[in-house]
């Protein structure tokens, strides 16, 4: 019986492809920068509406951006 591959197994195989690895590394670099932004907001004691007001956007736009980050996560190989 053939064992089912986990998503981690498939990821590790995909990371052997130099093009995939390049895209993966670039995406993780972007997520790392977003993590820094979220951490800075939190450490400055700013709420999402405070951040949204600065570039003239909405709190919901900031929330969507942050929630998408948390759904995708970072720190993967």
PDB file of N, CA and C in Angstrom:
ATOM      1  N   UNK A   1       0.845  -1.177   0.000  1.00  0.00           N
ATOM      2  CA  UNK A   1       0.000   0.000   0.000  1.00  0.00           C
ATOM      3  C   UNK A   1       0.893   1.244   0.000  1.00  0.00           C
ATOM      4  N   UNK A   2       0.567   2.190  -0.864  1.00  0.00           N
ATOM      5  CA  UNK A   2       1.362   3.397  -0.999  1.00  0.00           C
ATOM      6  C   UNK A   2       0.985   4.398   0.094  1.00  0.00           C
ATOM      7  N   UNK A   3       1.996   4.912   0.782  1.00  0.00           N
ATOM      8  CA  UNK A   3       1.755   5.893   1.844  1.00  0.00           C
ATOM      9  C   UNK A   3       1.364   7.227   1.225  1.00  0.00           C
ATOM     10  N   UNK A   4       0.466   7.913   1.885  1.00  0.00           N
ATOM     11  CA  UNK A   4       0.045   9.234   1.448  1.00  0.00           C
ATOM     12  C   UNK A   4       1.100  10.253   1.835  1.00  0.00           C
ATOM     13  N   UNK A   5       1.409  11.143   0.894  1.00  0.00           N
ATOM     14  CA  UNK A   5       2.378  12.197   1.185  1.00  0.00           C
ATOM     15  C   UNK A   5       1.703  13.298   1.980  1.00  0.00           C
ATOM     16  N   UNK A   6       2.448  13.833   2.902  1.00  0.00           N
ATOM     17  CA  UNK A   6       1.958  14.993   3.642  1.00  0.00           C
ATOM     18  C   UNK A   6       2.271  16.243   2.834  1.00  0.00           C
ATOM     19  N   UNK A   7       1.665  17.355   3.242  1.00  0.00           N
ATOM     20  CA  UNK A   7       1.963  18.604   2.546  1.00  0.00           C
ATOM     21  C   UNK A   7       3.433  18.961   2.728  1.00  0.00           C
ATOM     22  N   UNK A   8       4.010  18.602   3.866  1.00  0.00           N
ATOM     23  CA  UNK A   8       5.429  18.889   4.127  1.00  0.00           C
ATOM     24  C   UNK A   8       6.317  18.089   3.177  1.00  0.00           C
ATOM     25  N   UNK A   9       5.947  16.815   2.917  1.00  0.00           N
ATOM     26  CA  UNK A   9       6.705  16.005   1.961  1.00  0.00           C
ATOM     27  C   UNK A   9       6.656  16.642   0.571  1.00  0.00           C
ATOM     28  N   UNK A  10       5.469  17.067   0.168  1.00  0.00           N
ATOM     29  CA  UNK A  10       5.324  17.685  -1.153  1.00  0.00           C
ATOM     30  C   UNK A  10       6.075  19.011  -1.222  1.00  0.00           C
ATOM     31  N   UNK A  11       6.034  19.774  -0.132  1.00  0.00           N
ATOM     32  CA  UNK A  11       6.775  21.030  -0.098  1.00  0.00           C
ATOM     33  C   UNK A  11       8.270  20.766  -0.238  1.00  0.00           C
ATOM     34  N   UNK A  12       8.777  19.820   0.528  1.00  0.00           N
ATOM     35  CA  UNK A  12      10.206  19.522   0.459  1.00  0.00           C
ATOM     36  C   UNK A  12      10.632  19.090  -0.938  1.00  0.00           C
ATOM     37  N   UNK A  13       9.803  18.317  -1.612  1.00  0.00           N
ATOM     38  CA  UNK A  13      10.097  17.935  -2.991  1.00  0.00           C
ATOM     39  C   UNK A  13      10.084  19.160  -3.904  1.00  0.00           C
ATOM     40  N   UNK A  14       9.101  20.007  -3.725  1.00  0.00           N
ATOM     41  CA  UNK A  14       8.990  21.204  -4.556  1.00  0.00           C
ATOM     42  C   UNK A  14      10.162  22.150  -4.343  1.00  0.00           C
ATOM     43  N   UNK A  15      10.657  22.219  -3.114  1.00  0.00           N
ATOM     44  CA  UNK A  15      11.773  23.116  -2.809  1.00  0.00           C
ATOM     45  C   UNK A  15      13.074  22.688  -3.484  1.00  0.00           C
ATOM     46  N   UNK A  16      13.111  21.481  -4.017  1.00  0.00           N
ATOM     47  CA  UNK A  16      14.284  21.032  -4.774  1.00  0.00           C
ATOM     48  C   UNK A  16      14.358  21.702  -6.140  1.00  0.00           C
ATOM     49  N   UNK A  17      13.238  22.217  -6.628  1.00  0.00           N
ATOM     50  CA  UNK A  17      13.196  22.940  -7.906  1.00  0.00           C
ATOM     51  C   UNK A  17      13.702  24.365  -7.665  1.00  0.00           C
ATOM     52  N   UNK A  18      14.779  24.779  -8.341  1.00  0.00           N
ATOM     53  CA  UNK A  18      15.352  26.108  -8.102  1.00  0.00           C
ATOM     54  C   UNK A  18      14.364  27.254  -8.334  1.00  0.00           C
ATOM     55  N   UNK A  19      13.494  27.139  -9.322  1.00  0.00           N
ATOM     56  CA  UNK A  19      12.511  28.203  -9.583  1.00  0.00           C
ATOM     57  C   UNK A  19      11.497  28.293  -8.455  1.00  0.00           C
ATOM     58  N   UNK A  20      11.011  27.135  -8.011  1.00  0.00           N
ATOM     59  CA  UNK A  20      10.072  27.122  -6.896  1.00  0.00           C
ATOM     60  C   UNK A  20      10.741  27.674  -5.648  1.00  0.00           C
ATOM     61  N   UNK A  21      11.972  27.252  -5.385  1.00  0.00           N
ATOM     62  CA  UNK A  21      12.705  27.704  -4.201  1.00  0.00           C
ATOM     63  C   UNK A  21      12.861  29.221  -4.209  1.00  0.00           C
ATOM     64  N   UNK A  22      13.168  29.785  -5.375  1.00  0.00           N
ATOM     65  CA  UNK A  22      13.339  31.240  -5.489  1.00  0.00           C
ATOM     66  C   UNK A  22      12.033  31.952  -5.134  1.00  0.00           C
ATOM     67  N   UNK A  23      10.927  31.506  -5.705  1.00  0.00           N
ATOM     68  CA  UNK A  23       9.622  32.114  -5.425  1.00  0.00           C
ATOM     69  C   UNK A  23       9.259  31.943  -3.943  1.00  0.00           C
ATOM     70  N   UNK A  24       9.517  30.766  -3.401  1.00  0.00           N
ATOM     71  CA  UNK A  24       9.219  30.482  -1.992  1.00  0.00           C
ATOM     72  C   UNK A  24       9.997  31.425  -1.077  1.00  0.00           C
ATOM     73  N   UNK A  25      11.289  31.573  -1.366  1.00  0.00           N
ATOM     74  CA  UNK A  25      12.129  32.443  -0.542  1.00  0.00           C
ATOM     75  C   UNK A  25      11.672  33.895  -0.630  1.00  0.00           C
ATOM     76  N   UNK A  26      11.296  34.345  -1.817  1.00  0.00           N
ATOM     77  CA  UNK A  26      10.810  35.716  -1.976  1.00  0.00           C
ATOM     78  C   UNK A  26       9.510  35.934  -1.205  1.00  0.00           C
ATOM     79  N   UNK A  27       8.611  34.967  -1.280  1.00  0.00           N
ATOM     80  CA  UNK A  27       7.338  35.084  -0.556  1.00  0.00           C
ATOM     81  C   UNK A  27       7.576  35.109   0.956  1.00  0.00           C
ATOM     82  N   UNK A  28       8.480  34.266   1.439  1.00  0.00           N
ATOM     83  CA  UNK A  28       8.775  34.245   2.877  1.00  0.00           C
ATOM     84  C   UNK A  28       9.433  35.536   3.326  1.00  0.00           C
ATOM     85  N   UNK A  29      10.240  36.146   2.450  1.00  0.00           N
ATOM     86  CA  UNK A  29      10.859  37.432   2.796  1.00  0.00           C
ATOM     87  C   UNK A  29       9.782  38.504   2.961  1.00  0.00           C
ATOM     88  N   UNK A  30       8.780  38.496   2.078  1.00  0.00           N
ATOM     89  CA  UNK A  30       7.676  39.451   2.193  1.00  0.00           C
ATOM     90  C   UNK A  30       6.905  39.230   3.497  1.00  0.00           C
ATOM     91  N   UNK A  31       6.633  37.978   3.822  1.00  0.00           N
ATOM     92  CA  UNK A  31       5.900  37.682   5.047  1.00  0.00           C
ATOM     93  C   UNK A  31       6.701  38.078   6.285  1.00  0.00           C
ATOM     94  N   UNK A  32       8.016  37.932   6.220  1.00  0.00           N
ATOM     95  CA  UNK A  32       8.854  38.331   7.350  1.00  0.00           C
ATOM     96  C   UNK A  32       8.779  39.840   7.559  1.00  0.00           C
ATOM     97  N   UNK A  33       8.737  40.592   6.468  1.00  0.00           N
ATOM     98  CA  UNK A  33       8.614  42.051   6.578  1.00  0.00           C
ATOM     99  C   UNK A  33       7.254  42.430   7.160  1.00  0.00           C
ATOM    100  N   UNK A  34       6.219  41.755   6.720  1.00  0.00           N
ATOM    101  CA  UNK A  34       4.885  42.024   7.257  1.00  0.00           C
ATOM    102  C   UNK A  34       4.831  41.686   8.742  1.00  0.00           C
ATOM    103  N   UNK A  35       5.502  40.622   9.139  1.00  0.00           N
ATOM    104  CA  UNK A  35       5.559  40.260  10.556  1.00  0.00           C
ATOM    105  C   UNK A  35       6.185  41.391  11.359  1.00  0.00           C
ATOM    106  N   UNK A  36       7.235  42.006  10.830  1.00  0.00           N
ATOM    107  CA  UNK A  36       7.884  43.133  11.505  1.00  0.00           C
ATOM    108  C   UNK A  36       6.929  44.316  11.643  1.00  0.00           C
ATOM    109  N   UNK A  37       6.147  44.558  10.599  1.00  0.00           N
ATOM    110  CA  UNK A  37       5.192  45.674  10.624  1.00  0.00           C
ATOM    111  C   UNK A  37       4.122  45.436  11.691  1.00  0.00           C
ATOM    112  N   UNK A  38       3.590  44.228  11.743  1.00  0.00           N
ATOM    113  CA  UNK A  38       2.563  43.905  12.729  1.00  0.00           C
ATOM    114  C   UNK A  38       3.140  44.006  14.143  1.00  0.00           C
ATOM    115  N   UNK A  39       4.347  43.509  14.328  1.00  0.00           N
ATOM    116  CA  UNK A  39       4.981  43.575  15.646  1.00  0.00           C
ATOM    117  C   UNK A  39       5.232  45.025  16.053  1.00  0.00           C
ATOM    118  N   UNK A  40       5.651  45.849  15.098  1.00  0.00           N
ATOM    119  CA  UNK A  40       5.895  47.264  15.403  1.00  0.00           C
ATOM    120  C   UNK A  40       4.599  47.964  15.787  1.00  0.00           C
ATOM    121  N   UNK A  41       3.514  47.653  15.086  1.00  0.00           N
ATOM    122  CA  UNK A  41       2.218  48.247  15.426  1.00  0.00           C
ATOM    123  C   UNK A  41       1.827  47.880  16.847  1.00  0.00           C
ATOM    124  N   UNK A  42       1.981  46.607  17.160  1.00  0.00           N
ATOM    125  CA  UNK A  42       1.590  46.136  18.488  1.00  0.00           C
ATOM    126  C   UNK A  42       2.472  46.757  19.573  1.00  0.00           C
ATOM    127  N   UNK A  43       3.767  46.812  19.335  1.00  0.00           N
ATOM    128  CA  UNK A  43       4.660  47.350  20.366  1.00  0.00           C
ATOM    129  C   UNK A  43       4.493  48.859  20.542  1.00  0.00           C
ATOM    130  N   UNK A  44       4.028  49.547  19.501  1.00  0.00           N
ATOM    131  CA  UNK A  44       3.778  50.989  19.597  1.00  0.00           C
ATOM    132  C   UNK A  44       2.425  51.280  20.233  1.00  0.00           C
ATOM    133  N   UNK A  45       1.653  50.228  20.467  1.00  0.00           N
ATOM    134  CA  UNK A  45       0.343  50.410  21.080  1.00  0.00           C
ATOM    135  C   UNK A  45      -0.683  51.003  20.139  1.00  0.00           C
ATOM    136  N   UNK A  46      -0.456  50.839  18.836  1.00  0.00           N
ATOM    137  CA  UNK A  46      -1.396  51.374  17.852  1.00  0.00           C
ATOM    138  C   UNK A  46      -2.461  50.340  17.524  1.00  0.00           C
ATOM    139  N   UNK A  47      -3.680  50.790  17.417  1.00  0.00           N
ATOM    140  CA  UNK A  47      -4.780  49.933  16.982  1.00  0.00           C
ATOM    141  C   UNK A  47      -4.854  49.985  15.454  1.00  0.00           C
ATOM    142  N   UNK A  48      -5.540  49.030  14.877  1.00  0.00           N
ATOM    143  CA  UNK A  48      -5.682  49.002  13.419  1.00  0.00           C
ATOM    144  C   UNK A  48      -6.242  50.310  12.853  1.00  0.00           C
ATOM    145  N   UNK A  49      -7.240  50.934  13.483  1.00  0.00           N
ATOM    146  CA  UNK A  49      -7.735  52.204  12.929  1.00  0.00           C
ATOM    147  C   UNK A  49      -6.664  53.302  12.908  1.00  0.00           C
ATOM    148  N   UNK A  50      -5.772  53.296  13.899  1.00  0.00           N
ATOM    149  CA  UNK A  50      -4.680  54.272  13.924  1.00  0.00           C
ATOM    150  C   UNK A  50      -3.768  54.086  12.713  1.00  0.00           C
ATOM    151  N   UNK A  51      -3.442  52.841  12.437  1.00  0.00           N
ATOM    152  CA  UNK A  51      -2.579  52.527  11.302  1.00  0.00           C
ATOM    153  C   UNK A  51      -3.295  52.859   9.993  1.00  0.00           C
ATOM    154  N   UNK A  52      -4.555  52.525   9.910  1.00  0.00           N
ATOM    155  CA  UNK A  52      -5.325  52.756   8.682  1.00  0.00           C
ATOM    156  C   UNK A  52      -5.439  54.237   8.346  1.00  0.00           C
ATOM    157  N   UNK A  53      -5.540  55.078   9.353  1.00  0.00           N
ATOM    158  CA  UNK A  53      -5.725  56.510   9.119  1.00  0.00           C
ATOM    159  C   UNK A  53      -4.497  57.150   8.475  1.00  0.00           C
ATOM    160  N   UNK A  54      -3.334  56.635   8.742  1.00  0.00           N
ATOM    161  CA  UNK A  54      -2.101  57.242   8.230  1.00  0.00           C
ATOM    162  C   UNK A  54      -2.031  57.230   6.705  1.00  0.00           C
ATOM    163  N   UNK A  55      -2.231  56.102   6.026  1.00  0.00           N
ATOM    164  CA  UNK A  55      -2.202  56.140   4.560  1.00  0.00           C
ATOM    165  C   UNK A  55      -3.583  56.415   3.949  1.00  0.00           C
ATOM    166  N   UNK A  56      -4.583  56.631   4.806  1.00  0.00           N
ATOM    167  CA  UNK A  56      -5.916  56.938   4.303  1.00  0.00           C
ATOM    168  C   UNK A  56      -6.712  55.729   3.845  1.00  0.00           C
ATOM    169  N   UNK A  57      -6.532  54.606   4.533  1.00  0.00           N
ATOM    170  CA  UNK A  57      -7.309  53.413   4.208  1.00  0.00           C
ATOM    171  C   UNK A  57      -8.263  53.116   5.364  1.00  0.00           C
ATOM    172  N   UNK A  58      -8.823  51.941   5.378  1.00  0.00           N
ATOM    173  CA  UNK A  58      -9.796  51.588   6.409  1.00  0.00           C
ATOM    174  C   UNK A  58      -9.220  50.556   7.369  1.00  0.00           C
ATOM    175  N   UNK A  59      -9.834  50.482   8.534  1.00  0.00           N
ATOM    176  CA  UNK A  59      -9.432  49.477   9.524  1.00  0.00           C
ATOM    177  C   UNK A  59      -9.630  48.084   8.956  1.00  0.00           C
ATOM    178  N   UNK A  60     -10.708  47.889   8.192  1.00  0.00           N
ATOM    179  CA  UNK A  60     -10.970  46.550   7.657  1.00  0.00           C
ATOM    180  C   UNK A  60      -9.884  46.122   6.662  1.00  0.00           C
ATOM    181  N   UNK A  61      -9.319  47.074   5.928  1.00  0.00           N
ATOM    182  CA  UNK A  61      -8.225  46.744   5.006  1.00  0.00           C
ATOM    183  C   UNK A  61      -6.997  46.282   5.781  1.00  0.00           C
ATOM    184  N   UNK A  62      -6.696  46.955   6.880  1.00  0.00           N
ATOM    185  CA  UNK A  62      -5.570  46.554   7.727  1.00  0.00           C
ATOM    186  C   UNK A  62      -5.851  45.181   8.327  1.00  0.00           C
ATOM    187  N   UNK A  63      -7.058  44.955   8.787  1.00  0.00           N
ATOM    188  CA  UNK A  63      -7.424  43.663   9.377  1.00  0.00           C
ATOM    189  C   UNK A  63      -7.297  42.541   8.356  1.00  0.00           C
ATOM    190  N   UNK A  64      -7.750  42.779   7.128  1.00  0.00           N
ATOM    191  CA  UNK A  64      -7.636  41.748   6.076  1.00  0.00           C
ATOM    192  C   UNK A  64      -6.176  41.407   5.817  1.00  0.00           C
ATOM    193  N   UNK A  65      -5.344  42.427   5.731  1.00  0.00           N
ATOM    194  CA  UNK A  65      -3.924  42.207   5.487  1.00  0.00           C
ATOM    195  C   UNK A  65      -3.303  41.388   6.620  1.00  0.00           C
ATOM    196  N   UNK A  66      -3.579  41.781   7.842  1.00  0.00           N
ATOM    197  CA  UNK A  66      -3.009  41.069   8.986  1.00  0.00           C
ATOM    198  C   UNK A  66      -3.568  39.657   9.116  1.00  0.00           C
ATOM    199  N   UNK A  67      -4.845  39.475   8.866  1.00  0.00           N
ATOM    200  CA  UNK A  67      -5.419  38.135   9.012  1.00  0.00           C
ATOM    201  C   UNK A  67      -4.912  37.205   7.920  1.00  0.00           C
ATOM    202  N   UNK A  68      -4.697  37.732   6.719  1.00  0.00           N
ATOM    203  CA  UNK A  68      -4.148  36.902   5.649  1.00  0.00           C
ATOM    204  C   UNK A  68      -2.749  36.450   6.024  1.00  0.00           C
ATOM    205  N   UNK A  69      -1.980  37.345   6.619  1.00  0.00           N
ATOM    206  CA  UNK A  69      -0.639  36.993   7.080  1.00  0.00           C
ATOM    207  C   UNK A  69      -0.710  35.862   8.095  1.00  0.00           C
ATOM    208  N   UNK A  70      -1.591  35.976   9.068  1.00  0.00           N
ATOM    209  CA  UNK A  70      -1.678  34.965  10.122  1.00  0.00           C
ATOM    210  C   UNK A  70      -2.188  33.639   9.592  1.00  0.00           C
ATOM    211  N   UNK A  71      -3.052  33.664   8.581  1.00  0.00           N
ATOM    212  CA  UNK A  71      -3.553  32.423   7.994  1.00  0.00           C
ATOM    213  C   UNK A  71      -2.440  31.684   7.258  1.00  0.00           C
ATOM    214  N   UNK A  72      -1.561  32.442   6.577  1.00  0.00           N
ATOM    215  CA  UNK A  72      -0.483  31.822   5.800  1.00  0.00           C
ATOM    216  C   UNK A  72       0.720  31.461   6.647  1.00  0.00           C
ATOM    217  N   UNK A  73       0.965  32.248   7.694  1.00  0.00           N
ATOM    218  CA  UNK A  73       2.091  31.979   8.579  1.00  0.00           C
ATOM    219  C   UNK A  73       3.440  32.239   7.941  1.00  0.00           C
ATOM    220  N   UNK A  74       4.477  32.147   8.767  1.00  0.00           N
ATOM    221  CA  UNK A  74       5.847  32.303   8.303  1.00  0.00           C
ATOM    222  C   UNK A  74       6.703  31.276   8.988  1.00  0.00           C
ATOM    223  N   UNK A  75       7.963  31.321   8.728  1.00  0.00           N
ATOM    224  CA  UNK A  75       8.911  30.460   9.407  1.00  0.00           C
ATOM    225  C   UNK A  75       9.026  29.062   8.826  1.00  0.00           C
ATOM    226  N   UNK A  76       8.411  28.842   7.678  1.00  0.00           N
ATOM    227  CA  UNK A  76       8.555  27.535   7.049  1.00  0.00           C
ATOM    228  C   UNK A  76       9.895  27.500   6.324  1.00  0.00           C
ATOM    229  N   UNK A  77      10.423  26.319   6.088  1.00  0.00           N
ATOM    230  CA  UNK A  77      11.752  26.223   5.461  1.00  0.00           C
ATOM    231  C   UNK A  77      11.783  26.826   4.081  1.00  0.00           C
TER     232      UNK A  77
END
